[in-house]
N, C-alpha and C. Protein backbone atom coordinates (compact mmCIF):
# COMPACT_ATOMS: atom_id res chain seq x y z
N THR A 1 56.90 -86.55 -74.34
CA THR A 1 56.83 -86.33 -75.67
C THR A 1 56.58 -84.75 -75.68
N GLY A 2 57.03 -84.36 -77.10
CA GLY A 2 57.15 -82.87 -77.45
C GLY A 2 57.57 -81.71 -76.49
N TYR A 3 58.77 -82.19 -75.30
CA TYR A 3 59.32 -81.27 -74.58
C TYR A 3 60.97 -80.79 -75.21
N ASN A 4 61.01 -79.59 -75.08
CA ASN A 4 62.86 -79.09 -75.48
C ASN A 4 63.46 -79.33 -73.93
N VAL A 5 64.20 -80.39 -73.87
CA VAL A 5 65.33 -80.68 -72.40
C VAL A 5 66.44 -79.74 -72.20
N VAL A 6 66.28 -78.69 -70.70
CA VAL A 6 67.90 -78.82 -71.36
C VAL A 6 68.55 -79.07 -69.54
N THR A 7 69.34 -79.40 -70.01
CA THR A 7 70.27 -80.33 -68.24
C THR A 7 71.22 -79.68 -68.16
N ILE A 8 71.72 -79.18 -66.75
CA ILE A 8 72.47 -78.79 -65.90
C ILE A 8 73.22 -79.55 -65.65
N GLU A 9 74.36 -79.77 -65.58
CA GLU A 9 74.87 -81.07 -64.78
C GLU A 9 76.13 -80.34 -63.60
N GLY A 10 75.86 -81.15 -62.49
CA GLY A 10 76.78 -81.05 -61.69
C GLY A 10 76.38 -79.40 -60.63
N SER A 11 75.23 -80.32 -59.39
CA SER A 11 75.55 -79.67 -58.71
C SER A 11 75.61 -78.01 -57.74
N GLU A 12 77.05 -78.01 -58.09
CA GLU A 12 77.79 -76.60 -58.25
C GLU A 12 77.29 -75.25 -59.23
N ASN A 13 76.78 -76.11 -59.97
CA ASN A 13 76.23 -75.47 -61.64
C ASN A 13 75.24 -74.74 -60.77
N PHE A 14 74.53 -75.12 -60.35
CA PHE A 14 72.73 -75.16 -59.88
C PHE A 14 72.60 -74.58 -58.49
N LEU A 15 73.33 -75.32 -57.54
CA LEU A 15 73.40 -75.04 -56.10
C LEU A 15 73.96 -74.22 -55.32
N GLY A 16 75.83 -73.73 -56.08
CA GLY A 16 76.32 -72.92 -55.61
C GLY A 16 77.36 -73.54 -55.03
N HIS A 17 77.28 -75.05 -54.87
CA HIS A 17 78.55 -75.47 -54.42
C HIS A 17 78.49 -77.73 -54.34
N ALA A 18 79.16 -78.02 -54.61
CA ALA A 18 79.11 -79.51 -55.11
C ALA A 18 79.22 -80.08 -53.85
N THR A 19 77.96 -81.79 -54.25
CA THR A 19 77.56 -82.31 -53.19
C THR A 19 78.18 -83.85 -53.80
N ASP A 20 77.87 -84.59 -52.50
CA ASP A 20 78.93 -85.98 -52.41
C ASP A 20 78.87 -86.82 -53.47
N GLY A 21 77.51 -86.66 -53.89
CA GLY A 21 77.07 -87.47 -55.39
C GLY A 21 76.59 -87.22 -56.69
N GLY A 22 76.86 -85.70 -56.41
CA GLY A 22 76.68 -84.96 -57.68
C GLY A 22 75.38 -84.40 -58.15
N GLY A 23 74.77 -84.46 -59.00
CA GLY A 23 74.27 -83.59 -58.92
C GLY A 23 73.27 -83.19 -60.34
N ASN A 24 72.31 -83.22 -60.69
CA ASN A 24 71.83 -82.68 -62.81
C ASN A 24 70.70 -81.26 -62.25
N LEU A 25 69.97 -80.92 -63.26
CA LEU A 25 68.58 -79.77 -62.71
C LEU A 25 68.13 -80.27 -64.52
N ARG A 26 67.23 -80.40 -64.96
CA ARG A 26 66.18 -80.16 -65.97
C ARG A 26 65.56 -79.30 -66.09
N GLY A 27 65.12 -78.52 -67.46
CA GLY A 27 64.32 -77.93 -67.47
C GLY A 27 63.73 -78.19 -68.92
N TYR A 28 62.06 -78.60 -68.66
CA TYR A 28 61.34 -79.22 -69.47
C TYR A 28 60.57 -78.05 -69.93
N PHE A 29 60.40 -77.51 -71.73
CA PHE A 29 59.96 -76.02 -71.92
C PHE A 29 59.06 -77.09 -73.03
N LYS A 30 57.98 -76.00 -72.89
CA LYS A 30 56.88 -76.18 -74.13
C LYS A 30 57.35 -75.49 -75.09
N ASN A 31 57.43 -75.38 -76.09
CA ASN A 31 57.56 -74.15 -76.64
C ASN A 31 58.55 -73.58 -76.44
N ASP A 32 58.02 -72.12 -75.74
CA ASP A 32 59.56 -71.73 -75.36
C ASP A 32 59.36 -71.34 -73.97
N THR A 33 58.54 -72.26 -73.11
CA THR A 33 57.72 -71.69 -71.48
C THR A 33 58.17 -72.89 -70.93
N LEU A 34 58.75 -72.55 -69.82
CA LEU A 34 59.29 -73.79 -69.38
C LEU A 34 58.09 -73.86 -67.93
N VAL A 35 57.77 -75.27 -67.99
CA VAL A 35 56.61 -75.97 -67.30
C VAL A 35 56.83 -76.46 -66.29
N LYS A 36 58.94 -77.37 -65.82
CA LYS A 36 58.82 -78.18 -65.55
C LYS A 36 60.37 -78.46 -65.19
N ILE A 37 60.53 -78.71 -63.91
CA ILE A 37 61.78 -78.09 -63.54
C ILE A 37 62.15 -79.61 -62.59
N VAL A 38 63.09 -80.84 -63.06
CA VAL A 38 63.38 -81.66 -62.38
C VAL A 38 65.20 -82.17 -61.60
N GLU A 39 65.38 -81.58 -59.81
CA GLU A 39 66.68 -81.11 -59.28
C GLU A 39 66.43 -82.88 -58.77
N TRP A 40 68.16 -83.22 -59.11
CA TRP A 40 68.24 -84.47 -58.56
C TRP A 40 69.65 -84.15 -58.36
N VAL A 41 69.69 -84.20 -56.33
CA VAL A 41 71.11 -84.03 -55.80
C VAL A 41 71.43 -85.16 -54.78
N GLY A 42 72.82 -86.15 -55.01
CA GLY A 42 73.17 -87.38 -54.79
C GLY A 42 73.81 -86.69 -53.34
N LEU A 43 73.43 -87.30 -51.94
CA LEU A 43 74.17 -86.59 -50.93
C LEU A 43 75.05 -88.25 -50.14
N SER A 44 75.34 -87.88 -49.82
CA SER A 44 76.32 -88.57 -48.94
C SER A 44 75.64 -90.82 -48.54
N ASN A 45 74.76 -90.44 -48.12
CA ASN A 45 73.98 -90.92 -47.70
C ASN A 45 72.08 -91.02 -48.03
N ARG A 46 72.41 -90.37 -49.00
CA ARG A 46 70.06 -90.25 -50.23
C ARG A 46 70.72 -89.52 -50.80
N THR A 47 69.65 -89.76 -51.85
CA THR A 47 69.38 -88.80 -52.86
C THR A 47 67.73 -88.06 -52.80
N VAL A 48 68.24 -86.91 -53.48
CA VAL A 48 67.00 -85.98 -52.98
C VAL A 48 66.41 -85.86 -54.34
N GLN A 49 65.02 -85.49 -54.78
CA GLN A 49 64.37 -85.24 -56.51
C GLN A 49 63.51 -84.68 -56.04
N ASN A 50 63.12 -83.28 -56.87
CA ASN A 50 62.57 -81.99 -56.55
C ASN A 50 61.86 -82.07 -57.59
N GLU A 51 60.62 -82.42 -57.71
CA GLU A 51 59.73 -81.69 -59.32
C GLU A 51 59.04 -80.77 -59.54
N TYR A 52 59.27 -79.47 -59.61
CA TYR A 52 58.49 -78.51 -59.71
C TYR A 52 57.80 -77.78 -61.21
N TYR A 53 56.31 -78.08 -60.37
CA TYR A 53 55.42 -78.23 -62.40
C TYR A 53 55.22 -76.38 -62.33
N LEU A 54 55.32 -75.75 -62.76
CA LEU A 54 54.49 -74.21 -63.47
C LEU A 54 53.60 -73.97 -63.96
N ASP A 55 52.92 -73.04 -64.28
CA ASP A 55 52.45 -72.54 -64.89
C ASP A 55 52.37 -71.13 -65.02
N LYS A 56 52.80 -70.86 -66.52
CA LYS A 56 53.04 -69.16 -67.12
C LYS A 56 54.31 -68.84 -66.03
N TYR A 57 55.57 -69.41 -65.66
CA TYR A 57 56.50 -69.54 -64.33
C TYR A 57 56.06 -69.37 -63.11
N ASP A 58 54.76 -69.68 -62.45
CA ASP A 58 54.95 -69.55 -61.33
C ASP A 58 53.99 -71.25 -60.87
N LEU A 59 54.38 -71.11 -59.23
CA LEU A 59 54.53 -72.46 -59.18
C LEU A 59 53.32 -73.01 -58.45
N PHE A 60 52.48 -74.17 -59.23
CA PHE A 60 52.00 -74.79 -58.53
C PHE A 60 51.43 -75.83 -57.62
N PHE A 61 52.76 -76.73 -57.86
CA PHE A 61 52.94 -78.06 -57.70
C PHE A 61 54.49 -78.76 -57.38
N VAL A 62 54.94 -79.01 -56.11
CA VAL A 62 55.97 -79.43 -56.08
C VAL A 62 56.28 -81.49 -55.51
N TYR A 63 56.73 -82.21 -56.30
CA TYR A 63 56.31 -83.56 -55.82
C TYR A 63 57.89 -84.07 -55.41
N SER A 64 58.49 -83.90 -53.98
CA SER A 64 59.95 -84.14 -53.73
C SER A 64 59.69 -86.15 -53.22
N THR A 65 60.79 -86.46 -53.37
CA THR A 65 61.25 -88.49 -53.08
C THR A 65 62.44 -87.86 -52.64
N GLU A 66 62.96 -88.58 -51.60
CA GLU A 66 63.92 -89.22 -50.35
C GLU A 66 64.27 -90.36 -50.95
N GLN A 67 65.04 -90.86 -51.33
CA GLN A 67 65.85 -92.17 -51.13
C GLN A 67 67.20 -92.35 -50.74
N GLN A 68 67.25 -93.24 -49.19
CA GLN A 68 68.25 -93.38 -48.57
C GLN A 68 69.27 -94.90 -49.44
N TYR A 69 70.45 -94.69 -48.69
CA TYR A 69 71.00 -95.92 -48.68
C TYR A 69 71.16 -96.60 -47.91
N PRO A 70 70.71 -97.89 -47.22
CA PRO A 70 70.49 -98.65 -46.28
C PRO A 70 71.57 -98.53 -45.21
N TYR A 71 71.87 -99.44 -44.44
CA TYR A 71 72.94 -99.33 -43.40
C TYR A 71 73.27 -100.88 -43.45
N ASN A 72 74.18 -101.23 -43.44
CA ASN A 72 74.87 -102.83 -43.65
C ASN A 72 75.06 -102.80 -42.22
N ASP A 73 74.96 -103.78 -41.35
CA ASP A 73 75.96 -103.95 -40.10
C ASP A 73 76.30 -104.97 -40.24
N SER A 74 76.79 -106.06 -41.01
CA SER A 74 77.49 -107.04 -41.21
C SER A 74 78.64 -106.13 -42.13
N LEU A 75 79.47 -105.05 -42.58
CA LEU A 75 79.97 -104.62 -43.18
C LEU A 75 80.22 -103.11 -42.49
N GLN A 76 79.25 -102.53 -41.73
CA GLN A 76 79.32 -101.36 -40.97
C GLN A 76 79.70 -100.12 -41.67
N ALA A 77 78.95 -100.73 -42.82
CA ALA A 77 78.90 -99.63 -43.73
C ALA A 77 78.09 -99.29 -44.84
N LEU A 78 77.47 -97.90 -45.30
CA LEU A 78 76.10 -97.69 -45.88
C LEU A 78 76.42 -99.28 -47.13
N ASP A 79 75.15 -99.79 -47.64
CA ASP A 79 75.38 -100.04 -48.61
C ASP A 79 74.96 -99.29 -50.13
N TYR A 80 75.71 -98.73 -50.50
CA TYR A 80 75.94 -97.86 -51.74
C TYR A 80 74.93 -98.78 -53.41
N GLY A 81 74.91 -99.98 -52.99
CA GLY A 81 74.14 -100.54 -54.26
C GLY A 81 72.91 -100.81 -54.28
N LYS A 82 72.25 -100.07 -53.22
CA LYS A 82 70.95 -100.14 -53.24
C LYS A 82 70.84 -98.59 -52.99
N LEU A 83 69.28 -98.15 -53.20
CA LEU A 83 68.42 -97.02 -52.74
C LEU A 83 67.02 -98.22 -52.19
N VAL A 84 66.85 -97.10 -50.80
CA VAL A 84 65.33 -97.57 -49.96
C VAL A 84 64.62 -96.03 -50.40
N PRO A 85 63.66 -96.36 -51.05
CA PRO A 85 62.33 -95.21 -50.62
C PRO A 85 62.66 -94.53 -49.36
N THR A 86 61.76 -93.15 -48.69
CA THR A 86 61.84 -92.87 -47.51
C THR A 86 60.99 -92.32 -47.48
N SER A 87 60.51 -91.64 -48.93
CA SER A 87 59.17 -90.56 -48.11
C SER A 87 59.40 -89.61 -49.35
N SER A 88 58.16 -89.28 -49.45
CA SER A 88 57.46 -88.46 -50.69
C SER A 88 56.12 -87.61 -50.20
N SER A 89 56.40 -86.66 -50.65
CA SER A 89 55.31 -85.34 -50.25
C SER A 89 55.44 -83.96 -51.32
N ARG A 90 53.67 -84.33 -51.42
CA ARG A 90 52.80 -83.38 -52.64
C ARG A 90 52.77 -82.40 -51.74
N TYR A 91 53.11 -81.25 -52.29
CA TYR A 91 52.83 -79.40 -52.27
C TYR A 91 52.42 -78.54 -52.93
N TYR A 92 51.17 -78.13 -53.04
CA TYR A 92 49.94 -77.46 -53.68
C TYR A 92 50.36 -76.25 -53.16
N PHE A 93 51.00 -75.11 -54.44
CA PHE A 93 50.45 -73.69 -54.38
C PHE A 93 49.81 -72.71 -55.21
N LYS A 94 48.97 -71.98 -54.38
CA LYS A 94 48.17 -70.55 -55.17
C LYS A 94 48.39 -69.67 -55.00
N ASN A 95 49.19 -68.45 -55.90
CA ASN A 95 48.90 -67.58 -55.78
C ASN A 95 50.49 -66.79 -54.94
N ASN A 96 51.84 -67.97 -55.35
CA ASN A 96 52.69 -67.44 -54.55
C ASN A 96 52.92 -68.16 -52.92
N LYS A 97 51.09 -68.94 -52.49
CA LYS A 97 51.38 -69.27 -51.00
C LYS A 97 51.00 -70.70 -51.01
N LEU A 98 51.54 -71.32 -50.30
CA LEU A 98 51.38 -72.88 -49.40
C LEU A 98 50.14 -72.81 -49.40
N ILE A 99 49.50 -73.71 -50.45
CA ILE A 99 47.69 -73.95 -49.92
C ILE A 99 47.23 -75.89 -49.40
N ASP A 100 48.74 -76.59 -49.59
CA ASP A 100 48.35 -77.60 -48.83
C ASP A 100 49.23 -78.63 -48.94
N THR A 101 49.67 -79.96 -48.51
CA THR A 101 50.43 -81.12 -48.44
C THR A 101 49.64 -82.06 -48.43
N ILE A 102 51.20 -82.69 -48.73
CA ILE A 102 50.41 -84.95 -49.10
C ILE A 102 51.97 -84.89 -48.55
N LEU A 103 51.97 -85.38 -47.12
CA LEU A 103 53.09 -86.08 -46.67
C LEU A 103 52.85 -87.93 -46.73
N SER A 104 53.98 -88.28 -47.31
CA SER A 104 53.96 -89.94 -47.24
C SER A 104 55.01 -90.47 -45.89
N ASN A 105 55.45 -89.42 -45.06
CA ASN A 105 56.33 -89.99 -44.28
C ASN A 105 56.20 -88.21 -42.84
N LYS A 106 55.62 -88.85 -41.94
CA LYS A 106 55.13 -87.62 -40.73
C LYS A 106 56.78 -87.05 -40.23
N LYS A 107 57.36 -88.05 -40.23
CA LYS A 107 59.11 -87.66 -39.70
C LYS A 107 59.94 -87.00 -40.44
N LEU A 108 59.38 -84.89 -40.01
CA LEU A 108 60.11 -84.05 -40.77
C LEU A 108 61.21 -83.84 -40.00
N THR A 109 61.79 -83.02 -40.41
CA THR A 109 63.28 -82.53 -39.90
C THR A 109 62.90 -80.64 -39.99
N GLN A 110 62.25 -80.41 -40.68
CA GLN A 110 61.53 -78.83 -40.71
C GLN A 110 60.02 -78.77 -40.97
N SER A 111 59.56 -77.53 -40.21
CA SER A 111 58.35 -77.52 -40.71
C SER A 111 57.64 -77.44 -41.53
N ILE A 112 56.28 -78.36 -42.19
CA ILE A 112 56.11 -78.01 -43.78
C ILE A 112 56.21 -76.38 -44.16
N THR A 113 55.82 -75.26 -43.55
CA THR A 113 55.53 -73.97 -43.74
C THR A 113 56.75 -73.55 -44.74
N SER A 114 58.27 -73.90 -44.43
CA SER A 114 59.13 -73.60 -44.72
C SER A 114 59.74 -74.57 -45.21
N ASP A 115 59.28 -75.94 -45.98
CA ASP A 115 59.00 -76.60 -46.93
C ASP A 115 58.26 -75.78 -47.92
N GLY A 116 57.84 -75.37 -47.41
CA GLY A 116 56.45 -74.57 -48.92
C GLY A 116 57.44 -73.51 -48.99
N ALA A 117 57.86 -72.25 -48.31
CA ALA A 117 58.77 -70.77 -48.57
C ALA A 117 60.30 -71.43 -49.20
N GLY A 118 61.24 -72.62 -48.60
CA GLY A 118 62.27 -72.90 -49.36
C GLY A 118 61.69 -73.26 -51.15
N PHE A 119 60.91 -73.82 -51.39
CA PHE A 119 60.16 -74.47 -52.92
C PHE A 119 59.36 -73.39 -53.48
N LEU A 120 59.51 -72.63 -53.01
CA LEU A 120 59.39 -71.18 -53.64
C LEU A 120 60.04 -70.56 -54.10
N GLN A 121 60.97 -70.08 -53.48
CA GLN A 121 62.06 -69.23 -53.58
C GLN A 121 63.06 -70.39 -54.43
N ARG A 122 63.63 -71.50 -54.19
CA ARG A 122 64.25 -72.43 -55.29
C ARG A 122 63.84 -71.80 -56.57
N ALA A 123 62.40 -72.14 -56.98
CA ALA A 123 62.30 -72.70 -58.12
C ALA A 123 62.38 -71.39 -58.47
N MET A 124 61.88 -70.46 -57.78
CA MET A 124 62.02 -68.56 -58.62
C MET A 124 63.60 -68.39 -59.15
N ASN A 125 64.23 -69.02 -58.86
CA ASN A 125 66.52 -68.29 -58.03
C ASN A 125 66.87 -69.79 -59.21
N MET A 126 66.03 -70.78 -60.27
CA MET A 126 66.45 -71.39 -60.64
C MET A 126 67.41 -71.17 -61.83
N PRO A 127 67.79 -71.60 -62.46
CA PRO A 127 68.60 -71.09 -63.72
C PRO A 127 68.03 -70.98 -64.40
N PHE A 128 66.48 -71.87 -65.21
CA PHE A 128 65.91 -71.52 -65.91
C PHE A 128 64.57 -70.34 -66.19
N CYS A 129 64.90 -70.12 -64.84
CA CYS A 129 63.67 -68.68 -64.76
C CYS A 129 64.36 -67.22 -65.30
């Protein structure tokens, strides 16, 4: 409570392209200061949500979660009726540098450093910043 929330609907409006499951971006403002951004993106086989926390427009923490649609063997297709949590990651920043990470799933497709750099770049290029 006490936050002014601004929502941007449609992934094309903040990613520059559409995604299969759409997306939205929410900026949380305390008075006139941006303190949190929530980015939700729906893909064909999963959803990704990134929560960016800011102090005076400097990124200090990102909480990233991913959920996948499970494969149904009997239907030979993804079950779009349910989502299964597959990972959550915490990234800590100080002075625009990644200083620590906590990962729930060690099966990564990118290095931790490139994830951190990507979060920094995205946070600074969000429409609210």
